[in-house]
Amino acid sequence: MELGRIGIWAFLDMLPAREAQAAAREIEDLGFGALWIPEALGREAFTSAGVLLAGSARLVVATGIANIWARDAMAMAGGQKTLCEAYPGRFLLGMGVSHAPLVEGLRGHEYAKPLTAMRRYLDAMDKAPFTAAPPIGECPRVLAALHPKMLELARERTSGSHPYFVTPEHTARARQILGKDRLLAPEQAVLLETDPETARRIARTHMAIYIGLPNYRRNLIATGFAEEDFANGGSDRLVDAIVAWGDIEVIRARVAAHHAAGADHVCLQVLTPNPAIVNRDAWRVLARALL
C-alpha cells in the first residue's frame, strides 16, 4: 500500500456523492497518497469509502476512524475484506473507540474500559468467518491510539496508528512506543491564514468540540498542557500547537516536524471559516508546495 508522505483528511459528507467522488479524484490527481474520512454524524464509513474508491483510480481511502460501536466485529471484518478484495492495496481500515458522549449519548451503548473493548473487538475480528471471495494481499488496519496502552495494542495487533488532534511532540512519543516498523499517520489541521485574530478564531471553532472530549484533554495534558489552556476556547499556545496557521512555510515546517518526530504519513485537514465548505484551492496550494 502506497500512502506517500502526505495525505488529505477531509469531511466530505456535506457534498453529494458525485461531488465527493470528484473531490477524491482531484486529491488523487494532485498527487496526495491518501484520503482520510471520518465516521461521526454523517455517512457510514464503509459505504462512504466504497463510493470514494469507485470514483477514483489509484487513491488510498482510509477511515479516520471507523467506530467500533457502530457495528459488531464480524461486520467490521467483513466490510474491510470486501473493500480490500474489490480495491487491492487501496483501502486502509482505521478503527477507534470514539468518545463516551458520542457512544453513550448518541448510540446508546455503554462506554466502559475502552482498551479492553478494543482488545476483545480485535480478537473477534480475527476469528470472524468470511465466506465471500477473499482479498489478495495486504488488508491492513490501524488504531486511533492516543495513550500509551492503546499505542502498545496498536503495535502488537495492527499495522500502526492514526492519532488525531495531536502535536509533533505526541508523534515523537507515539513513535517511541510503536517502534520502527509500524505505520504512524497523525492528522494535522492547517489553515492558510496569516492574520492571527482571524486564524485563531477559525481554529477555535474547529477545536471547540474536541477540547470538550475527555480523551483529547487527557492526551494534551500528558503532552504538557494545563487545564487553563482549555479555557475560553483554548489558549493561544494550545491553538497554535494544534492548528498550523499562517503562510505555506509555517505549514511546511509543521509537516516537517511531524516527519522528523517519526511520522511516516501526515494527514492534512484544511480548515475553513465555514466547515461545510471544502477548500479545494487550498489542496492545490499544498500540493504545489509540499509534494
Protein backbone atom coordinates (compact mmCIF):
# COMPACT_ATOMS: atom_id res chain seq x y z
CA MET A 1 0.00 0.00 0.00
CA GLU A 2 1.46 3.33 -1.13
CA LEU A 3 0.28 6.11 1.17
CA GLY A 4 3.03 8.55 0.34
CA ARG A 5 4.34 11.08 2.82
CA ILE A 6 1.29 13.36 2.84
CA GLY A 7 -2.45 12.78 2.57
CA ILE A 8 -5.65 14.77 2.93
CA TRP A 9 -8.07 14.36 5.83
CA ALA A 10 -11.50 15.71 4.90
CA PHE A 11 -15.16 15.90 5.86
CA LEU A 12 -16.84 15.33 2.50
CA ASP A 13 -20.24 14.43 3.94
CA MET A 14 -21.80 17.76 3.00
CA LEU A 15 -21.08 17.08 -0.66
CA PRO A 16 -23.45 14.95 -2.74
CA ALA A 17 -21.84 11.62 -3.60
CA ARG A 18 -20.85 12.60 -7.15
CA GLU A 19 -19.20 15.80 -5.92
CA ALA A 20 -17.39 13.86 -3.20
CA GLN A 21 -16.08 11.49 -5.87
CA ALA A 22 -14.89 14.47 -7.92
CA ALA A 23 -13.08 15.80 -4.85
CA ALA A 24 -11.41 12.41 -4.35
CA ARG A 25 -10.29 12.38 -7.99
CA GLU A 26 -8.76 15.82 -7.58
CA ILE A 27 -6.89 14.74 -4.45
CA GLU A 28 -5.59 11.80 -6.46
CA ASP A 29 -4.64 13.95 -9.47
CA LEU A 30 -2.82 16.44 -7.24
CA GLY A 31 -0.55 13.64 -6.06
CA PHE A 32 -1.66 13.08 -2.47
CA GLY A 33 -1.30 9.45 -1.46
CA ALA A 34 -4.43 9.01 0.63
CA LEU A 35 -7.79 10.47 1.55
CA TRP A 36 -8.83 10.03 5.18
CA ILE A 37 -12.53 10.21 6.03
CA PRO A 38 -14.37 10.26 9.38
CA GLU A 39 -17.35 8.44 10.78
CA ALA A 40 -19.29 10.71 13.10
CA LEU A 41 -22.79 12.02 12.46
CA GLY A 42 -22.79 11.68 8.69
CA ARG A 43 -22.08 8.89 6.25
CA GLU A 44 -21.36 5.35 7.36
CA ALA A 45 -17.66 4.62 6.97
CA PHE A 46 -17.64 1.60 4.64
CA THR A 47 -20.39 2.94 2.39
CA SER A 48 -18.58 6.26 2.09
CA ALA A 49 -15.23 4.59 1.43
CA GLY A 50 -16.80 2.43 -1.29
CA VAL A 51 -18.25 5.49 -3.02
CA LEU A 52 -14.89 7.28 -2.97
CA LEU A 53 -12.91 4.24 -4.10
CA ALA A 54 -15.30 3.74 -7.00
CA GLY A 55 -14.85 7.35 -8.03
CA SER A 56 -11.04 7.25 -8.11
CA ALA A 57 -8.40 5.05 -9.69
CA ARG A 58 -5.28 4.90 -7.51
CA LEU A 59 -6.03 6.82 -4.32
CA VAL A 60 -5.89 5.04 -0.97
CA VAL A 61 -9.05 5.70 1.03
CA ALA A 62 -8.61 5.37 4.79
CA THR A 63 -11.15 5.58 7.58
CA GLY A 64 -10.21 8.00 10.29
CA ILE A 65 -11.88 6.33 12.05
CA ALA A 66 -14.48 3.58 11.75
CA ASN A 67 -16.20 3.47 15.14
CA ILE A 68 -16.19 0.04 16.78
CA TRP A 69 -19.53 0.85 18.43
CA ALA A 70 -21.17 1.36 15.02
CA ARG A 71 -21.02 -2.32 14.03
CA ASP A 72 -20.04 -5.65 15.52
CA ALA A 73 -16.63 -7.15 14.89
CA MET A 74 -17.87 -9.60 12.26
CA ALA A 75 -19.39 -6.75 10.25
CA MET A 76 -16.20 -4.69 10.59
CA ALA A 77 -14.05 -7.60 9.38
CA GLY A 78 -16.42 -8.35 6.53
CA GLY A 79 -16.55 -4.74 5.41
CA GLN A 80 -12.77 -4.46 5.46
CA LYS A 81 -12.26 -7.65 3.46
CA THR A 82 -14.94 -6.69 0.95
CA LEU A 83 -13.25 -3.38 0.12
CA CYS A 84 -9.75 -4.87 0.21
CA GLU A 85 -10.79 -7.52 -2.30
CA ALA A 86 -12.56 -5.04 -4.57
CA TYR A 87 -9.78 -2.43 -4.44
CA PRO A 88 -6.46 -4.19 -3.76
CA GLY A 89 -3.95 -2.02 -1.93
CA ARG A 90 -6.34 0.94 -1.75
CA PHE A 91 -8.37 0.57 1.46
CA LEU A 92 -6.91 1.18 4.91
CA LEU A 93 -9.14 0.49 7.90
CA GLY A 94 -8.61 2.95 10.72
CA MET A 95 -10.53 1.90 13.84
CA GLY A 96 -11.23 3.61 17.12
CA VAL A 97 -13.19 3.53 20.36
CA SER A 98 -14.59 7.06 19.82
CA HIS A 99 -15.70 9.03 22.92
CA ALA A 100 -18.13 8.42 25.77
CA PRO A 101 -20.51 11.32 24.96
CA LEU A 102 -20.87 10.10 21.37
CA VAL A 103 -21.11 6.39 22.18
CA GLU A 104 -23.46 6.66 25.14
CA GLY A 105 -25.34 9.86 24.32
CA LEU A 106 -25.96 9.21 20.62
CA ARG A 107 -25.62 5.46 20.09
CA GLY A 108 -26.95 4.22 23.41
CA HIS A 109 -24.04 1.89 24.19
CA GLU A 110 -22.16 1.61 27.46
CA TYR A 111 -18.70 3.17 27.14
CA ALA A 112 -16.62 1.21 29.62
CA LYS A 113 -12.98 0.05 29.60
CA PRO A 114 -12.23 1.15 26.01
CA LEU A 115 -8.84 -0.57 25.92
CA THR A 116 -10.39 -3.89 26.95
CA ALA A 117 -13.23 -3.33 24.49
CA MET A 118 -10.78 -2.78 21.64
CA ARG A 119 -8.71 -5.81 22.53
CA ARG A 120 -11.77 -8.05 22.59
CA TYR A 121 -13.02 -6.50 19.36
CA LEU A 122 -9.75 -7.29 17.59
CA ASP A 123 -9.94 -10.86 18.89
CA ALA A 124 -13.45 -11.18 17.48
CA MET A 125 -12.41 -9.71 14.13
CA ASP A 126 -9.59 -12.21 13.84
CA LYS A 127 -11.99 -15.09 14.48
CA ALA A 128 -14.84 -13.80 12.29
CA PRO A 129 -15.90 -16.12 9.44
CA PHE A 130 -15.89 -14.72 5.89
CA THR A 131 -17.16 -16.96 3.10
CA ALA A 132 -17.06 -14.41 0.25
CA ALA A 133 -14.18 -14.01 -2.21
CA PRO A 134 -11.17 -13.22 -0.04
CA PRO A 135 -8.83 -10.28 -0.56
CA ILE A 136 -5.49 -10.96 -2.19
CA GLY A 137 -2.51 -9.40 -0.49
CA GLU A 138 -2.38 -6.84 2.27
CA CYS A 139 -5.50 -5.86 4.21
CA PRO A 140 -4.13 -3.55 6.91
CA ARG A 141 -5.76 -1.95 9.93
CA VAL A 142 -4.59 0.80 12.28
CA LEU A 143 -5.89 2.17 15.57
CA ALA A 144 -6.73 5.71 16.55
CA ALA A 145 -4.36 5.45 19.50
CA LEU A 146 -3.51 8.42 21.72
CA HIS A 147 -2.45 6.97 25.06
CA PRO A 148 0.45 4.60 25.74
CA LYS A 149 -1.56 1.41 26.35
CA MET A 150 -3.63 1.85 23.18
CA LEU A 151 -0.44 2.58 21.24
CA GLU A 152 1.04 -0.62 22.62
CA LEU A 153 -2.05 -2.50 21.45
CA ALA A 154 -1.69 -0.90 18.01
CA ARG A 155 1.91 -2.11 17.89
CA GLU A 156 1.00 -5.64 18.94
CA ARG A 157 -2.15 -6.22 16.92
CA THR A 158 -2.26 -3.85 13.93
CA SER A 159 -0.19 -2.15 11.25
CA GLY A 160 0.13 1.05 13.29
CA SER A 161 -1.70 4.13 14.47
CA HIS A 162 -3.63 7.16 13.21
CA PRO A 163 -3.61 9.74 16.03
CA TYR A 164 -5.98 12.72 15.67
CA PHE A 165 -5.78 16.19 17.26
CA VAL A 166 -2.13 15.82 18.23
CA THR A 167 1.16 17.69 18.13
CA PRO A 168 4.62 16.70 16.85
CA GLU A 169 5.54 16.05 20.49
CA HIS A 170 2.88 13.37 20.62
CA THR A 171 4.15 11.97 17.32
CA ALA A 172 7.60 11.52 18.88
CA ARG A 173 6.12 9.72 21.89
CA ALA A 174 3.94 7.54 19.66
CA ARG A 175 6.90 6.54 17.51
CA GLN A 176 8.86 5.51 20.56
CA ILE A 177 6.03 3.23 21.70
CA LEU A 178 5.14 1.86 18.25
CA GLY A 179 8.71 1.02 17.34
CA LYS A 180 10.28 1.42 13.94
CA ASP A 181 8.18 -0.95 11.84
CA ARG A 182 4.63 0.30 12.46
CA LEU A 183 2.81 2.94 10.42
CA LEU A 184 2.37 6.28 12.17
CA ALA A 185 -0.02 8.65 10.38
CA PRO A 186 -1.01 11.65 12.51
CA GLU A 187 -3.68 14.15 11.47
CA GLN A 188 -2.64 17.82 11.30
CA ALA A 189 -5.13 20.69 10.99
CA VAL A 190 -3.86 23.50 8.73
CA LEU A 191 -5.14 26.95 7.84
CA LEU A 192 -3.77 29.24 5.14
CA GLU A 193 -4.49 32.47 7.04
CA THR A 194 -1.81 34.91 8.17
CA ASP A 195 -3.91 37.24 10.36
CA PRO A 196 -3.57 35.95 13.95
CA GLU A 197 -7.02 37.06 15.12
CA THR A 198 -8.82 35.55 12.13
CA ALA A 199 -6.76 32.37 12.17
CA ARG A 200 -7.28 31.70 15.87
CA ARG A 201 -10.99 32.42 15.63
CA ILE A 202 -11.39 29.81 12.87
CA ALA A 203 -9.13 27.40 14.75
CA ARG A 204 -11.15 27.72 17.96
CA THR A 205 -14.37 26.98 16.08
CA HIS A 206 -12.77 23.78 14.79
CA MET A 207 -11.36 22.84 18.18
CA ALA A 208 -14.49 23.52 20.23
CA ILE A 209 -15.93 20.01 20.16
CA TYR A 210 -12.58 18.28 20.62
CA ILE A 211 -11.35 20.13 23.71
CA GLY A 212 -14.58 19.11 25.43
CA LEU A 213 -13.89 15.40 24.93
CA PRO A 214 -12.02 13.74 27.83
CA ASN A 215 -9.76 11.52 25.68
CA TYR A 216 -8.28 14.51 23.86
CA ARG A 217 -7.97 16.62 27.01
CA ARG A 218 -6.11 13.88 28.88
CA ASN A 219 -3.78 13.36 25.96
CA LEU A 220 -2.96 17.07 25.67
CA ILE A 221 -2.35 17.33 29.41
CA ALA A 222 0.02 14.37 29.11
CA THR A 223 1.75 16.26 26.29
CA GLY A 224 2.40 19.27 28.55
CA PHE A 225 -0.71 21.45 28.54
CA ALA A 226 -2.63 22.50 31.66
CA GLU A 227 -6.33 22.85 32.49
CA GLU A 228 -6.14 26.60 31.98
CA ASP A 229 -5.16 26.01 28.36
CA PHE A 230 -8.71 24.74 27.70
CA ALA A 231 -10.50 27.86 28.97
CA ASN A 232 -12.25 30.30 26.62
CA GLY A 233 -11.94 28.11 23.57
CA GLY A 234 -8.28 27.30 24.13
CA SER A 235 -5.20 29.35 24.93
CA ASP A 236 -3.17 30.81 22.08
CA ARG A 237 -0.47 28.29 22.98
CA LEU A 238 -2.87 25.38 22.58
CA VAL A 239 -4.46 26.75 19.42
CA ASP A 240 -1.09 27.30 17.77
CA ALA A 241 0.06 23.82 18.74
CA ILE A 242 -2.99 22.07 17.29
CA VAL A 243 -3.58 24.18 14.17
CA ALA A 244 -0.72 25.12 11.84
CA TRP A 245 -1.88 28.53 10.59
CA GLY A 246 -0.05 31.12 8.53
CA ASP A 247 1.67 31.03 5.17
CA ILE A 248 2.78 27.90 3.38
CA GLU A 249 6.18 27.94 5.08
CA VAL A 250 4.54 27.60 8.50
CA ILE A 251 2.62 24.57 7.29
CA ARG A 252 5.70 23.12 5.62
CA ALA A 253 7.58 23.44 8.91
CA ARG A 254 4.82 21.71 10.90
CA VAL A 255 4.66 18.81 8.46
CA ALA A 256 8.45 18.52 8.62
CA ALA A 257 8.25 18.50 12.43
CA HIS A 258 5.90 15.51 12.37
CA HIS A 259 8.13 13.68 9.92
CA ALA A 260 11.22 14.45 11.99
CA ALA A 261 9.40 13.14 15.06
CA GLY A 262 8.77 9.82 13.35
CA ALA A 263 5.61 10.15 11.24
CA ASP A 264 5.51 8.09 8.06
CA HIS A 265 2.49 9.91 6.65
CA VAL A 266 0.87 13.20 7.71
CA CYS A 267 -2.85 13.71 7.04
CA LEU A 268 -3.61 17.40 6.42
CA GLN A 269 -7.06 18.67 7.35
CA VAL A 270 -7.69 22.06 5.73
CA LEU A 271 -9.82 24.34 7.91
CA THR A 272 -12.23 26.91 6.50
CA PRO A 273 -14.36 29.69 8.05
CA ASN A 274 -17.42 27.61 7.13
CA PRO A 275 -16.83 23.93 7.98
CA ALA A 276 -19.45 22.91 5.41
CA ILE A 277 -17.31 24.30 2.58
CA VAL A 278 -14.45 22.22 1.17
CA ASN A 279 -11.47 24.43 0.26
CA ARG A 280 -10.13 22.68 -2.82
CA ASP A 281 -8.00 25.72 -3.69
CA ALA A 282 -6.02 25.11 -0.50
CA TRP A 283 -5.42 21.49 -1.55
CA ARG A 284 -3.87 22.81 -4.76
CA VAL A 285 -1.62 25.24 -2.88
CA LEU A 286 -0.50 22.47 -0.51
CA ALA A 287 0.17 20.09 -3.39
CA ARG A 288 2.35 22.60 -5.23
CA ALA A 289 4.34 23.41 -2.14
CA LEU A 290 4.65 20.07 -0.40
CA LEU A 291 4.56 17.27 -2.97
